[in-house]
Amino acid sequence: MGTIEEDGFLSEDIQTWIEKHHDYNCQIFNLCKKINKLAQNLLLSLEPEKTNGQKILASILFSRVISHFQGIYILAERGMVAESRSLLRGMLDATFSVVALSKNENLVCEFVNDDLWQRMKCLNSFCNLPKDIKKRHRVRSSKLKTLVESIQKEIDEKNIKPLTSEYLAQKADMLGHYNTLFVILSSSIHSRARDMTQYLGEGEIDDLEALKWGPDVKGLDNILLSACDCIFISARNITNLFNIQNLHESFQENWVLYEKLLGNTA
């Protein structure tokens, strides 16, 4: 395996950068490790009843929040700032869902019904495929049309509305997170112009030699602390839903350290 210049983030030399980033944000990475272990223990302790859709869905979504958190940690320690920002937005979306579900049992039905909208979107995409692709994959337009009409009829009869991130954030009492961090991170997901400025050096925009790339430490602290915030919020609502106390207290101890570190980055 070559150098960072030759192989980028796949280089064996990335280990040097991992150590550098851990040294630079030592306290934050240590906090992440602590609450990750607590979150894992909490997840493994959950025993939702087979007939309790709310707890089952909340447990699944909580596991998604945790895996997103671990993914952000792995990306952040390698200095993959843009990539960790993209994953953080996904973590926020999962957090809205798990918190909203934990607080509102009636959302279970809405989650199930939303699948009709998702199926409709996929089918409409297939319907809009170019003719040559349809022919190559033997896509039958008549069959697709029948399925679309059937699903649309069920949607209309049940008056089903699609679930949106904003709606779930509202149900989770997290509109503050939605209207700030979530909206800001949209440019990272969709590769908009403002998010591209992080790749520019000191020179002109068309000066290719001035483009910045590779491992970076700038902004990692805010990304990791925002991810920690999602873990804390999700865990707090999961422990309330399952009426768990012991781990709740352990999370609270680390919350004090989180607030201290948050103050240091302000």
Foldseek 3Di string as FASTA:
>chain_A
DDDCVVVNLPDPCLVVQLVVLCVVVVLLLVLLVQLLVLLVVLLVPDDDDPPQLLLVVLSVLSVVLSVLLVVLSVCQSSQVVLVSLLSLLVSLLSLLQNLLSLQDVVCSVLVVLLVLVVVLVVLVVVLPDDPVVCVVVVPDNVVSVVSNVVSVVVCVVVVHDHDDSCNSCVSNVNNVCCVPSNVVSVCSNVVDPVVLCVQAAPDDPPPVVRGHDGHDNPPSLVSSLSSLVSSLSSSVSSCVSVVNDPSNVVSVVSVVVSVVSVVVVD
